[in-house]
PDB file of N, CA and C in Angstrom:
ATOM      1  N   MET A   1     129.106 136.129 108.220  1.00  0.00           N
ATOM      2  CA  MET A   1     127.993 135.620 108.269  1.00  0.00           C
ATOM      3  C   MET A   1     128.436 134.132 107.803  1.00  0.00           C
ATOM      4  N   GLU A   2     128.451 133.109 108.561  1.00  0.00           N
ATOM      5  CA  GLU A   2     128.592 131.661 108.318  1.00  0.00           C
ATOM      6  C   GLU A   2     127.477 131.169 107.822  1.00  0.00           C
ATOM      7  N   THR A   3     127.049 129.621 106.792  1.00  0.00           N
ATOM      8  CA  THR A   3     126.219 128.784 106.281  1.00  0.00           C
ATOM      9  C   THR A   3     126.020 127.727 107.329  1.00  0.00           C
ATOM     10  N   VAL A   4     124.566 127.310 107.189  1.00  0.00           N
ATOM     11  CA  VAL A   4     124.501 125.850 107.557  1.00  0.00           C
ATOM     12  C   VAL A   4     123.461 124.120 106.781  1.00  0.00           C
ATOM     13  N   ASN A   5     123.591 123.766 106.396  1.00  0.00           N
ATOM     14  CA  ASN A   5     123.538 123.033 106.060  1.00  0.00           C
ATOM     15  C   ASN A   5     121.400 122.335 106.185  1.00  0.00           C
ATOM     16  N   VAL A   6     120.948 122.504 105.347  1.00  0.00           N
ATOM     17  CA  VAL A   6     119.269 121.671 105.804  1.00  0.00           C
ATOM     18  C   VAL A   6     120.084 120.323 105.823  1.00  0.00           C
ATOM     19  N   LYS A   7     119.200 119.782 106.620  1.00  0.00           N
ATOM     20  CA  LYS A   7     118.830 118.385 106.765  1.00  0.00           C
ATOM     21  C   LYS A   7     117.485 118.018 106.450  1.00  0.00           C
ATOM     22  N   PRO A   8     116.938 116.626 106.273  1.00  0.00           N
ATOM     23  CA  PRO A   8     115.905 116.372 106.028  1.00  0.00           C
ATOM     24  C   PRO A   8     115.238 117.120 107.076  1.00  0.00           C
ATOM     25  N   HIS A   9     113.596 117.458 106.436  1.00  0.00           N
ATOM     26  CA  HIS A   9     112.689 118.032 107.101  1.00  0.00           C
ATOM     27  C   HIS A   9     113.271 119.270 108.163  1.00  0.00           C
ATOM     28  N   GLN A  10     113.812 119.438 108.216  1.00  0.00           N
ATOM     29  CA  GLN A  10     114.219 120.894 108.953  1.00  0.00           C
ATOM     30  C   GLN A  10     113.343 122.277 107.822  1.00  0.00           C
ATOM     31  N   CYS A  11     112.891 123.108 109.070  1.00  0.00           N
ATOM     32  CA  CYS A  11     112.348 124.060 108.944  1.00  0.00           C
ATOM     33  C   CYS A  11     113.168 124.605 109.788  1.00  0.00           C
ATOM     34  N   LEU A  12     112.733 126.634 109.197  1.00  0.00           N
ATOM     35  CA  LEU A  12     113.444 128.171 109.970  1.00  0.00           C
ATOM     36  C   LEU A  12     113.564 128.161 111.208  1.00  0.00           C
ATOM     37  N   MET A  13     112.200 127.221 111.591  1.00  0.00           N
ATOM     38  CA  MET A  13     112.461 127.452 113.270  1.00  0.00           C
ATOM     39  C   MET A  13     113.569 126.031 113.760  1.00  0.00           C
ATOM     40  N   ASP A  14     113.868 125.173 113.110  1.00  0.00           N
ATOM     41  CA  ASP A  14     114.520 123.824 113.760  1.00  0.00           C
ATOM     42  C   ASP A  14     115.914 124.711 113.288  1.00  0.00           C
ATOM     43  N   LEU A  15     116.198 125.214 112.450  1.00  0.00           N
ATOM     44  CA  LEU A  15     117.287 126.515 112.301  1.00  0.00           C
ATOM     45  C   LEU A  15     117.813 126.861 113.598  1.00  0.00           C
ATOM     46  N   SER A  16     116.707 127.443 113.872  1.00  0.00           N
ATOM     47  CA  SER A  16     117.192 128.554 114.630  1.00  0.00           C
ATOM     48  C   SER A  16     116.622 127.961 116.526  1.00  0.00           C
ATOM     49  N   MET A  17     116.444 126.854 116.336  1.00  0.00           N
ATOM     50  CA  MET A  17     116.826 126.312 117.462  1.00  0.00           C
ATOM     51  C   MET A  17     117.868 125.299 117.626  1.00  0.00           C
ATOM     52  N   GLN A  18     118.642 125.126 116.664  1.00  0.00           N
ATOM     53  CA  GLN A  18     119.438 124.556 116.490  1.00  0.00           C
ATOM     54  C   GLN A  18     120.766 125.333 116.405  1.00  0.00           C
ATOM     55  N   ARG A  19     121.062 126.810 116.291  1.00  0.00           N
ATOM     56  CA  ARG A  19     121.776 127.646 116.776  1.00  0.00           C
ATOM     57  C   ARG A  19     122.396 128.339 117.536  1.00  0.00           C
ATOM     58  N   THR A  20     120.770 128.553 118.397  1.00  0.00           N
ATOM     59  CA  THR A  20     120.345 129.259 119.312  1.00  0.00           C
ATOM     60  C   THR A  20     119.895 129.104 120.256  1.00  0.00           C
ATOM     61  N   GLY A  21     119.052 128.262 120.498  1.00  0.00           N
ATOM     62  CA  GLY A  21     118.225 127.500 121.055  1.00  0.00           C
ATOM     63  C   GLY A  21     116.994 128.087 121.624  1.00  0.00           C
ATOM     64  N   SER A  22     116.434 128.613 120.955  1.00  0.00           N
ATOM     65  CA  SER A  22     115.708 129.536 120.818  1.00  0.00           C
ATOM     66  C   SER A  22     114.826 129.780 118.886  1.00  0.00           C
ATOM     67  N   ILE A  23     113.692 129.880 119.297  1.00  0.00           N
ATOM     68  CA  ILE A  23     112.814 130.464 118.216  1.00  0.00           C
ATOM     69  C   ILE A  23     113.447 132.114 117.501  1.00  0.00           C
ATOM     70  N   ASN A  24     113.664 132.477 118.539  1.00  0.00           N
ATOM     71  CA  ASN A  24     114.095 133.854 118.476  1.00  0.00           C
ATOM     72  C   ASN A  24     114.520 134.588 117.155  1.00  0.00           C
ATOM     73  N   ALA A  25     115.269 133.649 116.692  1.00  0.00           N
ATOM     74  CA  ALA A  25     116.260 134.055 115.524  1.00  0.00           C
ATOM     75  C   ALA A  25     115.566 133.697 114.472  1.00  0.00           C
ATOM     76  N   LEU A  26     114.084 133.037 113.962  1.00  0.00           N
ATOM     77  CA  LEU A  26     113.341 132.721 112.854  1.00  0.00           C
ATOM     78  C   LEU A  26     113.355 133.775 111.827  1.00  0.00           C
ATOM     79  N   PHE A  27     112.825 134.678 112.504  1.00  0.00           N
ATOM     80  CA  PHE A  27     112.986 136.240 111.397  1.00  0.00           C
ATOM     81  C   PHE A  27     113.907 136.358 111.315  1.00  0.00           C
ATOM     82  N   ASP A  28     115.310 136.373 111.481  1.00  0.00           N
ATOM     83  CA  ASP A  28     116.943 136.450 111.354  1.00  0.00           C
ATOM     84  C   ASP A  28     117.119 136.063 110.372  1.00  0.00           C
ATOM     85  N   PHE A  29     116.497 134.581 110.171  1.00  0.00           N
ATOM     86  CA  PHE A  29     117.030 133.810 108.634  1.00  0.00           C
ATOM     87  C   PHE A  29     116.390 134.333 108.142  1.00  0.00           C
ATOM     88  N   ALA A  30     115.207 134.187 107.860  1.00  0.00           N
ATOM     89  CA  ALA A  30     114.280 134.276 106.905  1.00  0.00           C
ATOM     90  C   ALA A  30     114.706 135.410 106.207  1.00  0.00           C
ATOM     91  N   LEU A  31     115.273 136.728 106.639  1.00  0.00           N
ATOM     92  CA  LEU A  31     115.222 137.392 106.357  1.00  0.00           C
ATOM     93  C   LEU A  31     116.696 137.754 105.929  1.00  0.00           C
ATOM     94  N   ALA A  32     117.788 136.622 106.454  1.00  0.00           N
ATOM     95  CA  ALA A  32     118.929 136.749 105.661  1.00  0.00           C
ATOM     96  C   ALA A  32     119.626 135.805 104.728  1.00  0.00           C
ATOM     97  N   ASN A  33     117.977 134.957 104.337  1.00  0.00           N
ATOM     98  CA  ASN A  33     117.963 133.963 103.422  1.00  0.00           C
ATOM     99  C   ASN A  33     116.752 134.993 102.044  1.00  0.00           C
ATOM    100  N   GLY A  34     116.091 135.691 102.317  1.00  0.00           N
ATOM    101  CA  GLY A  34     115.492 136.344 101.781  1.00  0.00           C
ATOM    102  C   GLY A  34     113.942 135.540 101.453  1.00  0.00           C
ATOM    103  N   ILE A  35     113.770 134.379 101.973  1.00  0.00           N
ATOM    104  CA  ILE A  35     112.327 134.043 102.067  1.00  0.00           C
ATOM    105  C   ILE A  35     111.588 134.325 103.316  1.00  0.00           C
ATOM    106  N   SER A  36     110.759 133.186 103.285  1.00  0.00           N
ATOM    107  CA  SER A  36     109.670 133.442 104.232  1.00  0.00           C
ATOM    108  C   SER A  36     109.564 132.041 105.127  1.00  0.00           C
ATOM    109  N   ILE A  37     109.412 132.787 106.395  1.00  0.00           N
ATOM    110  CA  ILE A  37     108.987 132.034 108.036  1.00  0.00           C
ATOM    111  C   ILE A  37     108.584 130.368 107.649  1.00  0.00           C
ATOM    112  N   THR A  38     108.012 130.826 106.296  1.00  0.00           N
ATOM    113  CA  THR A  38     107.020 128.815 106.395  1.00  0.00           C
ATOM    114  C   THR A  38     107.411 128.846 105.489  1.00  0.00           C
ATOM    115  N   ASP A  39     108.096 128.939 104.236  1.00  0.00           N
ATOM    116  CA  ASP A  39     108.836 128.170 103.066  1.00  0.00           C
ATOM    117  C   ASP A  39     109.252 126.431 103.730  1.00  0.00           C
ATOM    118  N   ASP A  40     109.050 125.761 102.387  1.00  0.00           N
ATOM    119  CA  ASP A  40     109.784 124.883 102.978  1.00  0.00           C
ATOM    120  C   ASP A  40     110.949 124.845 102.342  1.00  0.00           C
ATOM    121  N   LEU A  41     112.439 124.170 103.154  1.00  0.00           N
ATOM    122  CA  LEU A  41     113.841 124.182 103.037  1.00  0.00           C
ATOM    123  C   LEU A  41     114.288 122.972 101.837  1.00  0.00           C
ATOM    124  N   VAL A  42     115.098 123.049 101.207  1.00  0.00           N
ATOM    125  CA  VAL A  42     115.227 121.887 100.553  1.00  0.00           C
ATOM    126  C   VAL A  42     116.673 121.025 101.558  1.00  0.00           C
ATOM    127  N   SER A  43     116.288 119.725 101.348  1.00  0.00           N
ATOM    128  CA  SER A  43     117.280 119.668 102.223  1.00  0.00           C
ATOM    129  C   SER A  43     118.940 119.126 101.304  1.00  0.00           C
ATOM    130  N   GLY A  44     119.758 119.839 101.878  1.00  0.00           N
ATOM    131  CA  GLY A  44     121.259 119.404 101.461  1.00  0.00           C
ATOM    132  C   GLY A  44     121.606 120.807 101.207  1.00  0.00           C
ATOM    133  N   SER A  45     120.575 121.720 101.250  1.00  0.00           N
ATOM    134  CA  SER A  45     120.543 123.253 100.432  1.00  0.00           C
ATOM    135  C   SER A  45     121.186 123.785 102.102  1.00  0.00           C
ATOM    136  N   ALA A  46     121.968 125.082 101.185  1.00  0.00           N
ATOM    137  CA  ALA A  46     122.846 125.761 102.530  1.00  0.00           C
ATOM    138  C   ALA A  46     122.305 127.163 102.419  1.00  0.00           C
ATOM    139  N   LEU A  47     122.150 127.269 103.524  1.00  0.00           N
ATOM    140  CA  LEU A  47     121.294 128.752 103.661  1.00  0.00           C
ATOM    141  C   LEU A  47     122.443 129.870 104.893  1.00  0.00           C
ATOM    142  N   TRP A  48     121.927 130.809 104.972  1.00  0.00           N
ATOM    143  CA  TRP A  48     123.198 131.495 105.597  1.00  0.00           C
ATOM    144  C   TRP A  48     122.356 131.694 106.842  1.00  0.00           C
ATOM    145  N   ALA A  49     123.515 131.403 107.559  1.00  0.00           N
ATOM    146  CA  ALA A  49     123.286 131.605 109.941  1.00  0.00           C
ATOM    147  C   ALA A  49     123.290 132.910 109.836  1.00  0.00           C
ATOM    148  N   PRO A  50     122.701 133.800 110.460  1.00  0.00           N
ATOM    149  CA  PRO A  50     122.943 135.489 111.028  1.00  0.00           C
ATOM    150  C   PRO A  50     123.620 135.315 111.964  1.00  0.00           C
ATOM    151  N   ASP A  51     124.386 136.203 112.402  1.00  0.00           N
ATOM    152  CA  ASP A  51     125.279 136.331 113.409  1.00  0.00           C
ATOM    153  C   ASP A  51     123.960 136.946 114.684  1.00  0.00           C
ATOM    154  N   VAL A  52     123.924 136.408 115.497  1.00  0.00           N
ATOM    155  CA  VAL A  52     122.836 136.480 116.088  1.00  0.00           C
ATOM    156  C   VAL A  52     123.487 135.439 117.637  1.00  0.00           C
ATOM    157  N   GLU A  53     123.444 136.234 118.832  1.00  0.00           N
ATOM    158  CA  GLU A  53     123.719 135.452 119.482  1.00  0.00           C
ATOM    159  C   GLU A  53     122.600 134.345 120.154  1.00  0.00           C
ATOM    160  N   ILE A  54     123.615 133.013 121.694  1.00  0.00           N
ATOM    161  CA  ILE A  54     122.625 132.365 122.070  1.00  0.00           C
ATOM    162  C   ILE A  54     121.647 132.777 122.577  1.00  0.00           C
ATOM    163  N   ALA A  55     120.476 132.711 122.421  1.00  0.00           N
ATOM    164  CA  ALA A  55     119.651 133.151 123.378  1.00  0.00           C
ATOM    165  C   ALA A  55     119.245 132.425 124.062  1.00  0.00           C
ATOM    166  N   ASP A  56     119.097 131.151 124.596  1.00  0.00           N
ATOM    167  CA  ASP A  56     118.997 130.000 125.315  1.00  0.00           C
ATOM    168  C   ASP A  56     120.102 129.216 125.404  1.00  0.00           C
ATOM    169  N   ARG A  57     120.909 129.344 126.406  1.00  0.00           N
ATOM    170  CA  ARG A  57     122.793 128.347 125.881  1.00  0.00           C
ATOM    171  C   ARG A  57     122.167 126.789 126.776  1.00  0.00           C
ATOM    172  N   ARG A  58     120.923 127.061 127.594  1.00  0.00           N
ATOM    173  CA  ARG A  58     121.175 125.763 128.141  1.00  0.00           C
ATOM    174  C   ARG A  58     120.266 125.059 127.277  1.00  0.00           C
ATOM    175  N   THR A  59     119.469 124.900 126.505  1.00  0.00           N
ATOM    176  CA  THR A  59     118.562 124.374 125.452  1.00  0.00           C
ATOM    177  C   THR A  59     119.705 124.085 124.136  1.00  0.00           C
ATOM    178  N   PHE A  60     120.583 125.115 124.091  1.00  0.00           N
ATOM    179  CA  PHE A  60     121.333 125.007 123.133  1.00  0.00           C
ATOM    180  C   PHE A  60     122.709 123.867 123.026  1.00  0.00           C
ATOM    181  N   GLN A  61     122.889 124.260 124.514  1.00  0.00           N
ATOM    182  CA  GLN A  61     123.942 122.914 124.804  1.00  0.00           C
ATOM    183  C   GLN A  61     123.281 122.065 125.227  1.00  0.00           C
ATOM    184  N   THR A  62     121.894 121.474 125.154  1.00  0.00           N
ATOM    185  CA  THR A  62     121.054 120.313 125.462  1.00  0.00           C
ATOM    186  C   THR A  62     121.310 119.506 124.062  1.00  0.00           C
ATOM    187  N   LEU A  63     120.929 120.289 123.248  1.00  0.00           N
ATOM    188  CA  LEU A  63     120.680 119.994 121.780  1.00  0.00           C
ATOM    189  C   LEU A  63     121.629 119.117 121.406  1.00  0.00           C
ATOM    190  N   LYS A  64     123.388 120.107 121.513  1.00  0.00           N
ATOM    191  CA  LYS A  64     124.630 119.911 121.339  1.00  0.00           C
ATOM    192  C   LYS A  64     125.159 118.558 121.826  1.00  0.00           C
ATOM    193  N   ASP A  65     124.716 118.603 123.161  1.00  0.00           N
ATOM    194  CA  ASP A  65     125.330 117.232 123.634  1.00  0.00           C
ATOM    195  C   ASP A  65     124.909 116.413 123.594  1.00  0.00           C
ATOM    196  N   GLU A  66     123.468 116.037 123.502  1.00  0.00           N
ATOM    197  CA  GLU A  66     122.434 114.825 123.026  1.00  0.00           C
ATOM    198  C   GLU A  66     122.558 114.629 121.662  1.00  0.00           C
ATOM    199  N   GLN A  67     123.093 115.250 120.753  1.00  0.00           N
ATOM    200  CA  GLN A  67     123.695 115.974 118.893  1.00  0.00           C
ATOM    201  C   GLN A  67     122.132 115.028 118.482  1.00  0.00           C
ATOM    202  N   VAL A  68     121.123 115.773 119.254  1.00  0.00           N
ATOM    203  CA  VAL A  68     119.720 116.396 118.690  1.00  0.00           C
ATOM    204  C   VAL A  68     120.184 117.473 117.713  1.00  0.00           C
ATOM    205  N   ILE A  69     119.463 116.761 116.196  1.00  0.00           N
ATOM    206  CA  ILE A  69     119.191 117.494 115.248  1.00  0.00           C
ATOM    207  C   ILE A  69     117.666 118.114 114.866  1.00  0.00           C
ATOM    208  N   PRO A  70     117.117 119.388 115.643  1.00  0.00           N
ATOM    209  CA  PRO A  70     115.950 119.520 115.056  1.00  0.00           C
ATOM    210  C   PRO A  70     115.265 119.298 114.103  1.00  0.00           C
ATOM    211  N   ALA A  71     114.213 118.490 113.456  1.00  0.00           N
ATOM    212  CA  ALA A  71     113.871 118.160 112.196  1.00  0.00           C
ATOM    213  C   ALA A  71     111.716 118.363 112.515  1.00  0.00           C
ATOM    214  N   ASN A  72     111.563 119.584 111.939  1.00  0.00           N
ATOM    215  CA  ASN A  72     109.787 119.417 112.940  1.00  0.00           C
ATOM    216  C   ASN A  72     108.978 119.478 111.149  1.00  0.00           C
ATOM    217  N   GLY A  73     109.892 119.728 109.960  1.00  0.00           N
ATOM    218  CA  GLY A  73     108.849 120.720 108.864  1.00  0.00           C
ATOM    219  C   GLY A  73     108.136 119.494 108.232  1.00  0.00           C
ATOM    220  N   TYR A  74     107.470 119.269 107.301  1.00  0.00           N
ATOM    221  CA  TYR A  74     106.282 118.826 106.987  1.00  0.00           C
ATOM    222  C   TYR A  74     105.961 119.384 105.471  1.00  0.00           C
ATOM    223  N   THR A  75     106.205 118.400 104.909  1.00  0.00           N
ATOM    224  CA  THR A  75     105.610 118.549 103.591  1.00  0.00           C
ATOM    225  C   THR A  75     104.564 117.746 103.045  1.00  0.00           C
ATOM    226  N   LEU A  76     104.101 118.026 101.987  1.00  0.00           N
ATOM    227  CA  LEU A  76     103.187 117.402 101.009  1.00  0.00           C
ATOM    228  C   LEU A  76     103.414 116.170 100.819  1.00  0.00           C
ATOM    229  N   ALA A  77     104.717 115.719 100.491  1.00  0.00           N
ATOM    230  CA  ALA A  77     105.190 114.042 100.442  1.00  0.00           C
ATOM    231  C   ALA A  77     104.645 113.215 101.865  1.00  0.00           C
ATOM    232  N   ASP A  78     104.626 113.755 103.047  1.00  0.00           N
ATOM    233  CA  ASP A  78     104.207 113.122 103.793  1.00  0.00           C
ATOM    234  C   ASP A  78     102.999 113.417 104.500  1.00  0.00           C
ATOM    235  N   GLU A  79     102.049 113.919 103.630  1.00  0.00           N
ATOM    236  CA  GLU A  79     100.875 113.850 104.013  1.00  0.00           C
ATOM    237  C   GLU A  79     100.464 112.870 103.602  1.00  0.00           C
ATOM    238  N   ALA A  80     100.690 111.877 102.226  1.00  0.00           N
ATOM    239  CA  ALA A  80     100.244 110.508 101.779  1.00  0.00           C
ATOM    240  C   ALA A  80     100.097 109.488 103.028  1.00  0.00           C
ATOM    241  N   VAL A  81     101.368 109.643 103.879  1.00  0.00           N
ATOM    242  CA  VAL A  81     101.449 108.670 104.802  1.00  0.00           C
ATOM    243  C   VAL A  81     100.384 109.408 106.054  1.00  0.00           C
ATOM    244  N   VAL A  82     100.582 110.622 106.924  1.00  0.00           N
ATOM    245  CA  VAL A  82      99.133 111.125 107.639  1.00  0.00           C
ATOM    246  C   VAL A  82      98.033 110.728 107.151  1.00  0.00           C
ATOM    247  N   LYS A  83      97.758 111.027 106.263  1.00  0.00           N
ATOM    248  CA  LYS A  83      96.585 110.225 105.603  1.00  0.00           C
ATOM    249  C   LYS A  83      96.469 108.669 105.108  1.00  0.00           C
ATOM    250  N   THR A  84      95.999 108.222 106.453  1.00  0.00           N
ATOM    251  CA  THR A  84      96.108 106.542 105.944  1.00  0.00           C
ATOM    252  C   THR A  84      95.533 106.000 107.495  1.00  0.00           C
ATOM    253  N   GLY A  85      94.736 105.322 107.396  1.00  0.00           N
ATOM    254  CA  GLY A  85      94.388 104.104 108.964  1.00  0.00           C
ATOM    255  C   GLY A  85      92.529 104.204 108.738  1.00  0.00           C
ATOM    256  N   MET A  86      92.481 103.932 109.978  1.00  0.00           N
ATOM    257  CA  MET A  86      90.961 103.497 109.965  1.00  0.00           C
ATOM    258  C   MET A  86      90.231 105.033 109.671  1.00  0.00           C
ATOM    259  N   GLY A  87      90.351 106.390 110.937  1.00  0.00           N
ATOM    260  CA  GLY A  87      90.244 107.424 110.440  1.00  0.00           C
ATOM    261  C   GLY A  87      89.819 108.424 109.033  1.00  0.00           C
ATOM    262  N   TYR A  88      90.437 107.273 107.941  1.00  0.00           N
ATOM    263  CA  TYR A  88      90.926 107.941 106.715  1.00  0.00           C
ATOM    264  C   TYR A  88      89.813 107.050 105.776  1.00  0.00           C
ATOM    265  N   MET A  89      89.692 105.834 106.228  1.00  0.00           N
ATOM    266  CA  MET A  89      88.815 105.208 105.118  1.00  0.00           C
ATOM    267  C   MET A  89      87.469 104.956 104.794  1.00  0.00           C
ATOM    268  N   ALA A  90      86.927 105.201 103.996  1.00  0.00           N
ATOM    269  CA  ALA A  90      85.538 105.013 103.397  1.00  0.00           C
ATOM    270  C   ALA A  90      84.727 103.320 103.128  1.00  0.00           C
ATOM    271  N   ILE A  91      83.820 103.603 103.406  1.00  0.00           N
ATOM    272  CA  ILE A  91      82.736 101.939 103.335  1.00  0.00           C
ATOM    273  C   ILE A  91      82.935 102.208 101.494  1.00  0.00           C
ATOM    274  N   GLN A  92      82.763 100.978 100.761  1.00  0.00           N
ATOM    275  CA  GLN A  92      82.624 100.833  99.850  1.00  0.00           C
ATOM    276  C   GLN A  92      84.401 101.706  98.520  1.00  0.00           C
ATOM    277  N   VAL A  93      84.686 102.268  99.580  1.00  0.00           N
ATOM    278  CA  VAL A  93      86.217 103.188  98.826  1.00  0.00           C
ATOM    279  C   VAL A  93      87.435 101.940  99.433  1.00  0.00           C
ATOM    280  N   ASP A  94      87.551 101.891 100.116  1.00  0.00           N
ATOM    281  CA  ASP A  94      88.755 101.437 100.595  1.00  0.00           C
ATOM    282  C   ASP A  94      88.583 100.123 101.839  1.00  0.00           C
ATOM    283  N   PHE A  95      87.365  99.663 101.877  1.00  0.00           N
ATOM    284  CA  PHE A  95      86.901  98.777 102.102  1.00  0.00           C
ATOM    285  C   PHE A  95      85.609  98.244 102.029  1.00  0.00           C
ATOM    286  N   ARG A  96      85.140  96.955 101.747  1.00  0.00           N
ATOM    287  CA  ARG A  96      83.554  96.845 101.567  1.00  0.00           C
ATOM    288  C   ARG A  96      82.780  96.057 102.886  1.00  0.00           C
ATOM    289  N   VAL A  97      81.629  96.234 103.067  1.00  0.00           N
ATOM    290  CA  VAL A  97      80.365  95.666 103.403  1.00  0.00           C
ATOM    291  C   VAL A  97      79.567  95.108 103.540  1.00  0.00           C
ATOM    292  N   SER A  98      79.842  93.512 103.934  1.00  0.00           N
ATOM    293  CA  SER A  98      78.560  92.834 102.704  1.00  0.00           C
ATOM    294  C   SER A  98      77.863  91.682 104.370  1.00  0.00           C
TER     295      SER A  98
END
């Protein structure tokens, strides 16, 4: 079994896509590493990559050829950036009406 290094904002679904072209190996990754499929991964850490076949060769090859590294992870640190702007402003808190 090989190891794979986690890139910033990657989750197990991303690693599964990167290694097999499909999310079918998601549970294999979780089992191989003794973690939940929803656990936040630490950037730079090494995880075991299970020995599974490429499920979608076309997607796998496209990601590889275009050097795309899937990274869809969402962390609590990202929440502060997302919850800003007009949709989250409150009268007399973020701005004053006179």
